[in-house]
Amino acid sequence: TGTGAAPIVAEVAREEIGALTVGVVTKPFGFEGRKRRMQAEDGISLLADQVDTLIIIPNDRLLAIVEKKTSMLDAFRIADDLPRQGIQGITDLITIPGLINLDFADVRTVMKQAGTAMMGIGIASGESRAIEAATAAISSKLLDASITGANRILVSVAGASDMGLIEVSEAADAVTEAADKDAIIIFGSVIDDTLDDQVRVTVIATGFSDHSTQGTLDFGTMPTMAEMDERRQSEMQYAPQPDIATIPAPAAGGSVLDDDYIPDFLKRGF
């Protein structure tokens, strides 16, 4: 849930080691009580300030996919396995060689200082397996976000050696159509014969407009209602505006990698 020592470990990894830091956390089931939910939300808030990317998996979403007869023990086992799937989905992109290869630089491009992320993994078989897997990946009921509005997306399509070029293209098109038209989409394809007749599509989407600066900017104290009314009156009278710190928009065509590869010794001024 992001509590305990997780924020401290993340801070050390990110600030002292300079590692790309990704948090994959779960929210408790609703029946676990308000106190436990509040503790988890506090922990997630602390962790969000210390990681580049945060993937949140609400356990309550399990209720939408498990069968009614699923035991509580099995439900908790599934909930515990979800973070593993999320982490493995990211590491597999880096460690498994592909025909159209993805590497750590691609993962870094999408996940560096990205805030809240959406990650989905879809697996399907049959005649329309590629499209079905892509659709499942971008509309997962287990995730607390959707691909809509993301401006950085990583896509990996994996299948056995019989996977066709048209299938790969169909999966990529399904993700592209669901994404923002200006999104940066990095695509890769992997041959994995252990999948037999299945196709697996992994999607990582970041850079959402309302979360893309999470944990990286400090906007100060929110103004009171009286201050907001005073500012509104000033604007109507064309009076000079108060000194408010502004954050410039990134230059058109700017790269998400502008500062990512500056060596640490230059950043520290050595």
C-alpha atoms as a PDB file:
ATOM      1  CA  THR A   1       0.000   0.000   0.000  1.00  0.00           C
ATOM      2  CA  GLY A   2       3.020   2.325  -0.105  1.00  0.00           C
ATOM      3  CA  THR A   3       3.289   2.482   3.686  1.00  0.00           C
ATOM      4  CA  GLY A   4       6.126   1.448   5.996  1.00  0.00           C
ATOM      5  CA  ALA A   5       9.642   2.043   4.704  1.00  0.00           C
ATOM      6  CA  ALA A   6       8.626   2.255   1.033  1.00  0.00           C
ATOM      7  CA  PRO A   7       8.889   6.082   0.766  1.00  0.00           C
ATOM      8  CA  ILE A   8      12.318   6.048   2.454  1.00  0.00           C
ATOM      9  CA  VAL A   9      13.652   3.301   0.193  1.00  0.00           C
ATOM     10  CA  ALA A  10      12.283   5.126  -2.851  1.00  0.00           C
ATOM     11  CA  GLU A  11      13.888   8.403  -1.779  1.00  0.00           C
ATOM     12  CA  VAL A  12      17.299   6.762  -1.359  1.00  0.00           C
ATOM     13  CA  ALA A  13      17.011   4.999  -4.717  1.00  0.00           C
ATOM     14  CA  ARG A  14      15.969   8.125  -6.570  1.00  0.00           C
ATOM     15  CA  GLU A  15      17.917  10.914  -4.861  1.00  0.00           C
ATOM     16  CA  GLU A  16      21.130   9.191  -3.771  1.00  0.00           C
ATOM     17  CA  ILE A  17      21.549   6.451  -6.362  1.00  0.00           C
ATOM     18  CA  GLY A  18      19.826   8.228  -9.253  1.00  0.00           C
ATOM     19  CA  ALA A  19      17.755   5.191 -10.195  1.00  0.00           C
ATOM     20  CA  LEU A  20      14.514   5.298 -12.146  1.00  0.00           C
ATOM     21  CA  THR A  21      12.041   4.669  -9.335  1.00  0.00           C
ATOM     22  CA  VAL A  22       8.636   3.101  -9.927  1.00  0.00           C
ATOM     23  CA  GLY A  23       6.047   2.378  -7.252  1.00  0.00           C
ATOM     24  CA  VAL A  24       3.413  -0.337  -7.723  1.00  0.00           C
ATOM     25  CA  VAL A  25       0.921  -0.226  -4.855  1.00  0.00           C
ATOM     26  CA  THR A  26      -2.491  -1.596  -3.938  1.00  0.00           C
ATOM     27  CA  LYS A  27      -5.443   0.004  -2.178  1.00  0.00           C
ATOM     28  CA  PRO A  28      -7.192  -2.161   0.457  1.00  0.00           C
ATOM     29  CA  PHE A  29     -10.589  -3.715  -0.084  1.00  0.00           C
ATOM     30  CA  GLY A  30     -13.486  -1.541   1.033  1.00  0.00           C
ATOM     31  CA  PHE A  31     -14.532  -4.095   3.624  1.00  0.00           C
ATOM     32  CA  GLU A  32     -11.151  -3.740   5.362  1.00  0.00           C
ATOM     33  CA  GLY A  33     -12.415  -0.521   6.923  1.00  0.00           C
ATOM     34  CA  ARG A  34     -11.997   3.236   6.701  1.00  0.00           C
ATOM     35  CA  LYS A  35      -8.949   3.368   8.987  1.00  0.00           C
ATOM     36  CA  ARG A  36      -6.946   0.988   6.832  1.00  0.00           C
ATOM     37  CA  ARG A  37      -8.007   2.845   3.692  1.00  0.00           C
ATOM     38  CA  MET A  38      -6.895   6.184   5.149  1.00  0.00           C
ATOM     39  CA  GLN A  39      -3.537   4.703   6.191  1.00  0.00           C
ATOM     40  CA  ALA A  40      -3.037   3.406   2.664  1.00  0.00           C
ATOM     41  CA  GLU A  41      -3.949   6.754   1.099  1.00  0.00           C
ATOM     42  CA  ASP A  42      -1.525   8.566   3.398  1.00  0.00           C
ATOM     43  CA  GLY A  43       1.204   6.084   2.473  1.00  0.00           C
ATOM     44  CA  ILE A  44       0.491   6.433  -1.233  1.00  0.00           C
ATOM     45  CA  SER A  45       0.641  10.226  -0.920  1.00  0.00           C
ATOM     46  CA  LEU A  46       4.062  10.036   0.758  1.00  0.00           C
ATOM     47  CA  LEU A  47       5.359   7.529  -1.766  1.00  0.00           C
ATOM     48  CA  ALA A  48       4.133   9.582  -4.725  1.00  0.00           C
ATOM     49  CA  ASP A  49       6.552  12.372  -3.754  1.00  0.00           C
ATOM     50  CA  GLN A  50       9.526  10.003  -3.888  1.00  0.00           C
ATOM     51  CA  VAL A  51       9.001   8.030  -7.104  1.00  0.00           C
ATOM     52  CA  ASP A  52       9.177   8.841 -10.800  1.00  0.00           C
ATOM     53  CA  THR A  53       6.056   6.852 -11.577  1.00  0.00           C
ATOM     54  CA  LEU A  54       3.263   5.462  -9.417  1.00  0.00           C
ATOM     55  CA  ILE A  55       0.955   2.634 -10.510  1.00  0.00           C
ATOM     56  CA  ILE A  56      -2.083   2.183  -8.240  1.00  0.00           C
ATOM     57  CA  ILE A  57      -4.135  -1.028  -8.192  1.00  0.00           C
ATOM     58  CA  PRO A  58      -7.379  -0.814  -6.162  1.00  0.00           C
ATOM     59  CA  ASN A  59      -8.221  -4.221  -4.709  1.00  0.00           C
ATOM     60  CA  ASP A  60     -11.937  -3.430  -4.996  1.00  0.00           C
ATOM     61  CA  ARG A  61     -11.572  -3.728  -8.769  1.00  0.00           C
ATOM     62  CA  LEU A  62     -11.158  -7.481  -8.214  1.00  0.00           C
ATOM     63  CA  LEU A  63     -14.862  -7.653  -7.447  1.00  0.00           C
ATOM     64  CA  ALA A  64     -15.532  -6.857 -11.101  1.00  0.00           C
ATOM     65  CA  ILE A  65     -13.507  -9.768 -12.478  1.00  0.00           C
ATOM     66  CA  VAL A  66     -13.585 -12.632  -9.965  1.00  0.00           C
ATOM     67  CA  GLU A  67     -16.405 -15.133  -9.900  1.00  0.00           C
ATOM     68  CA  LYS A  68     -18.988 -14.924  -7.156  1.00  0.00           C
ATOM     69  CA  LYS A  69     -17.862 -18.254  -5.713  1.00  0.00           C
ATOM     70  CA  THR A  70     -14.218 -17.166  -5.406  1.00  0.00           C
ATOM     71  CA  SER A  71     -13.054 -17.689  -1.830  1.00  0.00           C
ATOM     72  CA  MET A  72     -11.619 -14.859   0.250  1.00  0.00           C
ATOM     73  CA  LEU A  73      -8.283 -16.687   0.386  1.00  0.00           C
ATOM     74  CA  ASP A  74      -8.119 -16.883  -3.398  1.00  0.00           C
ATOM     75  CA  ALA A  75      -9.175 -13.235  -3.730  1.00  0.00           C
ATOM     76  CA  PHE A  76      -6.342 -12.091  -1.455  1.00  0.00           C
ATOM     77  CA  ARG A  77      -3.938 -14.330  -3.355  1.00  0.00           C
ATOM     78  CA  ILE A  78      -4.949 -12.647  -6.615  1.00  0.00           C
ATOM     79  CA  ALA A  79      -4.598  -9.217  -5.003  1.00  0.00           C
ATOM     80  CA  ASP A  80      -1.076 -10.059  -3.824  1.00  0.00           C
ATOM     81  CA  ASP A  81      -0.145 -11.267  -7.310  1.00  0.00           C
ATOM     82  CA  LEU A  82      -1.189  -8.071  -9.081  1.00  0.00           C
ATOM     83  CA  PRO A  83       1.868  -6.005  -8.036  1.00  0.00           C
ATOM     84  CA  ARG A  84       4.080  -8.870  -9.216  1.00  0.00           C
ATOM     85  CA  GLN A  85       2.416  -8.782 -12.621  1.00  0.00           C
ATOM     86  CA  GLY A  86       2.931  -5.038 -12.803  1.00  0.00           C
ATOM     87  CA  ILE A  87       6.610  -5.230 -11.923  1.00  0.00           C
ATOM     88  CA  GLN A  88       7.251  -8.184 -14.221  1.00  0.00           C
ATOM     89  CA  GLY A  89       5.463  -6.411 -17.043  1.00  0.00           C
ATOM     90  CA  ILE A  90       7.980  -3.575 -16.791  1.00  0.00           C
ATOM     91  CA  THR A  91      11.103  -5.707 -16.357  1.00  0.00           C
ATOM     92  CA  ASP A  92      10.152  -8.014 -19.239  1.00  0.00           C
ATOM     93  CA  LEU A  93      10.149  -5.023 -21.577  1.00  0.00           C
ATOM     94  CA  ILE A  94      13.813  -4.490 -20.742  1.00  0.00           C
ATOM     95  CA  THR A  95      15.155  -8.027 -20.329  1.00  0.00           C
ATOM     96  CA  ILE A  96      13.441  -9.971 -23.125  1.00  0.00           C
ATOM     97  CA  PRO A  97      15.053  -9.314 -26.542  1.00  0.00           C
ATOM     98  CA  GLY A  98      12.604  -8.378 -29.270  1.00  0.00           C
ATOM     99  CA  LEU A  99      12.282  -8.172 -33.039  1.00  0.00           C
ATOM    100  CA  ILE A 100      11.427  -4.520 -32.565  1.00  0.00           C
ATOM    101  CA  ASN A 101      13.447  -3.970 -29.443  1.00  0.00           C
ATOM    102  CA  LEU A 102      12.586  -1.936 -26.366  1.00  0.00           C
ATOM    103  CA  ASP A 103      15.328  -1.127 -23.888  1.00  0.00           C
ATOM    104  CA  PHE A 104      15.834   0.770 -20.643  1.00  0.00           C
ATOM    105  CA  ALA A 105      16.129   4.099 -22.457  1.00  0.00           C
ATOM    106  CA  ASP A 106      12.612   3.631 -23.836  1.00  0.00           C
ATOM    107  CA  VAL A 107      11.216   2.741 -20.419  1.00  0.00           C
ATOM    108  CA  ARG A 108      13.013   5.746 -18.956  1.00  0.00           C
ATOM    109  CA  THR A 109      11.549   8.030 -21.626  1.00  0.00           C
ATOM    110  CA  VAL A 110       8.021   7.054 -20.643  1.00  0.00           C
ATOM    111  CA  MET A 111       8.402   6.706 -16.869  1.00  0.00           C
ATOM    112  CA  LYS A 112      10.892   9.401 -15.810  1.00  0.00           C
ATOM    113  CA  GLN A 113       9.128  12.019 -13.619  1.00  0.00           C
ATOM    114  CA  ALA A 114       5.813  10.802 -14.991  1.00  0.00           C
ATOM    115  CA  GLY A 115       3.585  10.914 -11.896  1.00  0.00           C
ATOM    116  CA  THR A 116       0.607   8.564 -11.974  1.00  0.00           C
ATOM    117  CA  ALA A 117       0.737   5.828 -14.603  1.00  0.00           C
ATOM    118  CA  MET A 118      -1.658   3.359 -16.145  1.00  0.00           C
ATOM    119  CA  MET A 119      -0.342  -0.105 -16.948  1.00  0.00           C
ATOM    120  CA  GLY A 120      -2.328  -2.902 -18.509  1.00  0.00           C
ATOM    121  CA  ILE A 121      -1.512  -6.409 -19.691  1.00  0.00           C
ATOM    122  CA  GLY A 122      -3.884  -8.201 -22.049  1.00  0.00           C
ATOM    123  CA  ILE A 123      -3.623 -11.825 -23.196  1.00  0.00           C
ATOM    124  CA  ALA A 124      -5.876 -13.410 -25.814  1.00  0.00           C
ATOM    125  CA  SER A 125      -6.018 -16.299 -28.267  1.00  0.00           C
ATOM    126  CA  GLY A 126      -8.057 -17.081 -31.349  1.00  0.00           C
ATOM    127  CA  GLU A 127      -8.602 -15.377 -34.671  1.00  0.00           C
ATOM    128  CA  SER A 128      -8.738 -11.825 -33.271  1.00  0.00           C
ATOM    129  CA  ARG A 129      -6.207 -12.403 -30.509  1.00  0.00           C
ATOM    130  CA  ALA A 130      -4.065  -9.319 -31.174  1.00  0.00           C
ATOM    131  CA  ILE A 131      -6.931  -6.821 -31.124  1.00  0.00           C
ATOM    132  CA  GLU A 132      -8.549  -8.522 -28.129  1.00  0.00           C
ATOM    133  CA  ALA A 133      -5.276  -8.488 -26.166  1.00  0.00           C
ATOM    134  CA  ALA A 134      -4.689  -4.812 -26.970  1.00  0.00           C
ATOM    135  CA  THR A 135      -8.249  -3.910 -25.986  1.00  0.00           C
ATOM    136  CA  ALA A 136      -7.881  -5.792 -22.702  1.00  0.00           C
ATOM    137  CA  ALA A 137      -4.594  -4.023 -21.969  1.00  0.00           C
ATOM    138  CA  ILE A 138      -5.945  -0.500 -22.466  1.00  0.00           C
ATOM    139  CA  SER A 139      -9.247  -1.069 -20.658  1.00  0.00           C
ATOM    140  CA  SER A 140      -8.197  -3.166 -17.669  1.00  0.00           C
ATOM    141  CA  LYS A 141     -10.792  -3.162 -14.892  1.00  0.00           C
ATOM    142  CA  LEU A 142      -7.991  -3.576 -12.364  1.00  0.00           C
ATOM    143  CA  LEU A 143      -6.392  -0.187 -12.879  1.00  0.00           C
ATOM    144  CA  ASP A 144      -7.165   3.222 -11.409  1.00  0.00           C
ATOM    145  CA  ALA A 145      -6.656   5.136 -14.653  1.00  0.00           C
ATOM    146  CA  SER A 146      -7.282   4.863 -18.376  1.00  0.00           C
ATOM    147  CA  ILE A 147      -5.081   5.450 -21.390  1.00  0.00           C
ATOM    148  CA  THR A 148      -7.148   8.464 -22.462  1.00  0.00           C
ATOM    149  CA  GLY A 149      -5.192  11.686 -21.973  1.00  0.00           C
ATOM    150  CA  ALA A 150      -1.755  10.074 -21.682  1.00  0.00           C
ATOM    151  CA  ASN A 151       0.992  11.750 -23.716  1.00  0.00           C
ATOM    152  CA  ARG A 152       3.679   9.059 -23.306  1.00  0.00           C
ATOM    153  CA  ILE A 153       2.905   5.419 -24.069  1.00  0.00           C
ATOM    154  CA  LEU A 154       5.033   2.282 -24.228  1.00  0.00           C
ATOM    155  CA  VAL A 155       3.588  -0.717 -26.113  1.00  0.00           C
ATOM    156  CA  SER A 156       4.982  -4.242 -26.293  1.00  0.00           C
ATOM    157  CA  VAL A 157       3.346  -7.009 -28.349  1.00  0.00           C
ATOM    158  CA  ALA A 158       4.545 -10.544 -27.614  1.00  0.00           C
ATOM    159  CA  GLY A 159       3.628 -13.798 -29.325  1.00  0.00           C
ATOM    160  CA  ALA A 160       5.003 -17.096 -30.585  1.00  0.00           C
ATOM    161  CA  SER A 161       6.951 -17.347 -33.832  1.00  0.00           C
ATOM    162  CA  ASP A 162       3.709 -17.726 -35.802  1.00  0.00           C
ATOM    163  CA  MET A 163       2.547 -14.220 -34.842  1.00  0.00           C
ATOM    164  CA  GLY A 164       1.851 -12.314 -38.053  1.00  0.00           C
ATOM    165  CA  LEU A 165       2.858  -8.817 -39.086  1.00  0.00           C
ATOM    166  CA  ILE A 166      -0.794  -7.871 -39.595  1.00  0.00           C
ATOM    167  CA  GLU A 167      -1.586  -8.961 -36.030  1.00  0.00           C
ATOM    168  CA  VAL A 168       1.185  -6.783 -34.651  1.00  0.00           C
ATOM    169  CA  SER A 169      -0.064  -3.861 -36.726  1.00  0.00           C
ATOM    170  CA  GLU A 170      -3.642  -4.391 -35.503  1.00  0.00           C
ATOM    171  CA  ALA A 171      -2.554  -4.349 -31.866  1.00  0.00           C
ATOM    172  CA  ALA A 172      -0.513  -1.193 -32.377  1.00  0.00           C
ATOM    173  CA  ASP A 173      -3.395   0.510 -34.199  1.00  0.00           C
ATOM    174  CA  ALA A 174      -5.828  -0.344 -31.386  1.00  0.00           C
ATOM    175  CA  VAL A 175      -3.593   1.390 -28.844  1.00  0.00           C
ATOM    176  CA  THR A 176      -2.880   4.360 -31.116  1.00  0.00           C
ATOM    177  CA  GLU A 177      -6.580   4.984 -31.749  1.00  0.00           C
ATOM    178  CA  ALA A 178      -7.299   5.043 -28.011  1.00  0.00           C
ATOM    179  CA  ALA A 179      -4.412   7.405 -27.243  1.00  0.00           C
ATOM    180  CA  ASP A 180      -4.141  11.161 -27.597  1.00  0.00           C
ATOM    181  CA  LYS A 181      -3.294  12.178 -31.165  1.00  0.00           C
ATOM    182  CA  ASP A 182      -0.153  13.992 -29.973  1.00  0.00           C
ATOM    183  CA  ALA A 183       1.049  11.204 -27.674  1.00  0.00           C
ATOM    184  CA  ILE A 184       4.595   9.884 -27.937  1.00  0.00           C
ATOM    185  CA  ILE A 185       4.176   6.139 -28.565  1.00  0.00           C
ATOM    186  CA  ILE A 186       7.171   3.797 -28.344  1.00  0.00           C
ATOM    187  CA  PHE A 187       6.481   0.367 -29.807  1.00  0.00           C
ATOM    188  CA  GLY A 188       8.203  -3.002 -29.499  1.00  0.00           C
ATOM    189  CA  SER A 189       7.555  -6.611 -30.491  1.00  0.00           C
ATOM    190  CA  VAL A 190       8.849  -9.787 -28.846  1.00  0.00           C
ATOM    191  CA  ILE A 191       8.859 -13.449 -29.930  1.00  0.00           C
ATOM    192  CA  ASP A 192       8.049 -15.679 -26.943  1.00  0.00           C
ATOM    193  CA  ASP A 193       7.275 -19.285 -27.902  1.00  0.00           C
ATOM    194  CA  THR A 194       6.051 -20.072 -24.386  1.00  0.00           C
ATOM    195  CA  LEU A 195       2.877 -18.150 -25.268  1.00  0.00           C
ATOM    196  CA  ASP A 196       1.866 -20.868 -27.776  1.00  0.00           C
ATOM    197  CA  ASP A 197      -1.276 -19.574 -29.525  1.00  0.00           C
ATOM    198  CA  GLN A 198      -1.631 -16.492 -27.338  1.00  0.00           C
ATOM    199  CA  VAL A 199      -0.680 -12.865 -27.889  1.00  0.00           C
ATOM    200  CA  ARG A 200       0.267 -10.644 -24.948  1.00  0.00           C
ATOM    201  CA  VAL A 201       0.076  -6.853 -25.147  1.00  0.00           C
ATOM    202  CA  THR A 202       1.650  -4.708 -22.434  1.00  0.00           C
ATOM    203  CA  VAL A 203       0.837  -0.997 -22.300  1.00  0.00           C
ATOM    204  CA  ILE A 204       2.365   1.623 -19.995  1.00  0.00           C
ATOM    205  CA  ALA A 205       0.817   5.089 -20.266  1.00  0.00           C
ATOM    206  CA  THR A 206       2.039   8.189 -18.420  1.00  0.00           C
ATOM    207  CA  GLY A 207       2.021  11.966 -18.667  1.00  0.00           C
ATOM    208  CA  PHE A 208      -1.634  12.505 -17.798  1.00  0.00           C
ATOM    209  CA  SER A 209      -2.543  16.190 -17.761  1.00  0.00           C
ATOM    210  CA  ASP A 210      -3.703  16.207 -14.134  1.00  0.00           C
ATOM    211  CA  HIS A 211      -0.913  14.063 -12.712  1.00  0.00           C
ATOM    212  CA  SER A 212       2.070  14.546 -15.019  1.00  0.00           C
ATOM    213  CA  THR A 213       3.862  16.851 -12.571  1.00  0.00           C
ATOM    214  CA  GLN A 214       3.028  14.864  -9.461  1.00  0.00           C
ATOM    215  CA  GLY A 215       5.868  14.931  -6.984  1.00  0.00           C
ATOM    216  CA  THR A 216       8.021  17.297  -9.063  1.00  0.00           C
ATOM    217  CA  LEU A 217       6.560  20.767  -8.566  1.00  0.00           C
ATOM    218  CA  ASP A 218       5.540  22.788  -5.515  1.00  0.00           C
ATOM    219  CA  PHE A 219       2.618  25.123  -6.122  1.00  0.00           C
ATOM    220  CA  GLY A 220       2.710  26.548  -2.586  1.00  0.00           C
ATOM    221  CA  THR A 221      -0.326  27.130  -0.370  1.00  0.00           C
ATOM    222  CA  MET A 222      -3.762  27.176  -1.972  1.00  0.00           C
ATOM    223  CA  PRO A 223      -5.396  30.649  -1.785  1.00  0.00           C
ATOM    224  CA  THR A 224      -8.359  31.209   0.518  1.00  0.00           C
ATOM    225  CA  MET A 225     -11.823  31.996  -0.833  1.00  0.00           C
ATOM    226  CA  ALA A 226     -11.392  35.660   0.136  1.00  0.00           C
ATOM    227  CA  GLU A 227      -8.094  35.844  -1.763  1.00  0.00           C
ATOM    228  CA  MET A 228      -9.681  34.232  -4.815  1.00  0.00           C
ATOM    229  CA  ASP A 229     -12.551  36.770  -4.752  1.00  0.00           C
ATOM    230  CA  GLU A 230     -10.064  39.626  -4.435  1.00  0.00           C
ATOM    231  CA  ARG A 231      -8.073  38.359  -7.419  1.00  0.00           C
ATOM    232  CA  ARG A 232     -11.246  37.986  -9.466  1.00  0.00           C
ATOM    233  CA  GLN A 233     -12.242  41.594  -8.738  1.00  0.00           C
ATOM    234  CA  SER A 234      -8.747  42.786  -9.650  1.00  0.00           C
ATOM    235  CA  GLU A 235      -8.893  40.967 -12.981  1.00  0.00           C
ATOM    236  CA  MET A 236     -12.265  42.523 -13.800  1.00  0.00           C
ATOM    237  CA  GLN A 237     -10.835  45.992 -13.129  1.00  0.00           C
ATOM    238  CA  TYR A 238      -7.678  45.270 -15.134  1.00  0.00           C
ATOM    239  CA  ALA A 239      -5.631  45.931 -12.042  1.00  0.00           C
ATOM    240  CA  PRO A 240      -2.035  44.665 -11.829  1.00  0.00           C
ATOM    241  CA  GLN A 241      -1.917  41.029 -10.857  1.00  0.00           C
ATOM    242  CA  PRO A 242      -0.319  39.802  -7.620  1.00  0.00           C
ATOM    243  CA  ASP A 243       3.133  38.318  -7.862  1.00  0.00           C
ATOM    244  CA  ILE A 244       2.367  34.669  -8.411  1.00  0.00           C
ATOM    245  CA  ALA A 245       5.075  32.194  -9.298  1.00  0.00           C
ATOM    246  CA  THR A 246       4.371  30.707 -12.687  1.00  0.00           C
ATOM    247  CA  ILE A 247       5.664  27.605 -14.312  1.00  0.00           C
ATOM    248  CA  PRO A 248       6.536  28.083 -17.975  1.00  0.00           C
ATOM    249  CA  ALA A 249       5.084  25.625 -20.444  1.00  0.00           C
ATOM    250  CA  PRO A 250       7.595  23.405 -22.203  1.00  0.00           C
ATOM    251  CA  ALA A 251       8.810  24.638 -25.561  1.00  0.00           C
ATOM    252  CA  ALA A 252       7.060  23.245 -28.607  1.00  0.00           C
ATOM    253  CA  GLY A 253       8.710  20.076 -29.795  1.00  0.00           C
ATOM    254  CA  GLY A 254      10.647  19.754 -26.551  1.00  0.00           C
ATOM    255  CA  SER A 255      11.958  16.341 -25.627  1.00  0.00           C
ATOM    256  CA  VAL A 256      11.022  14.446 -22.509  1.00  0.00           C
ATOM    257  CA  LEU A 257      14.694  13.545 -22.290  1.00  0.00           C
ATOM    258  CA  ASP A 258      16.068  17.099 -21.933  1.00  0.00           C
ATOM    259  CA  ASP A 259      17.707  16.485 -18.543  1.00  0.00           C
ATOM    260  CA  ASP A 260      17.575  12.727 -18.265  1.00  0.00           C
ATOM    261  CA  TYR A 261      21.045  11.935 -19.514  1.00  0.00           C
ATOM    262  CA  ILE A 262      23.130  14.723 -17.964  1.00  0.00           C
ATOM    263  CA  PRO A 263      25.842  12.901 -15.985  1.00  0.00           C
ATOM    264  CA  ASP A 264      25.463  13.103 -12.205  1.00  0.00           C
ATOM    265  CA  PHE A 265      28.882  14.750 -11.746  1.00  0.00           C
ATOM    266  CA  LEU A 266      27.806  17.657 -13.994  1.00  0.00           C
ATOM    267  CA  LYS A 267      24.513  18.049 -12.127  1.00  0.00           C
ATOM    268  CA  ARG A 268      26.422  18.263  -8.837  1.00  0.00           C
ATOM    269  CA  GLY A 269      28.800  20.876 -10.215  1.00  0.00           C
ATOM    270  CA  PHE A 270      31.983  18.836 -10.010  1.00  0.00           C
END
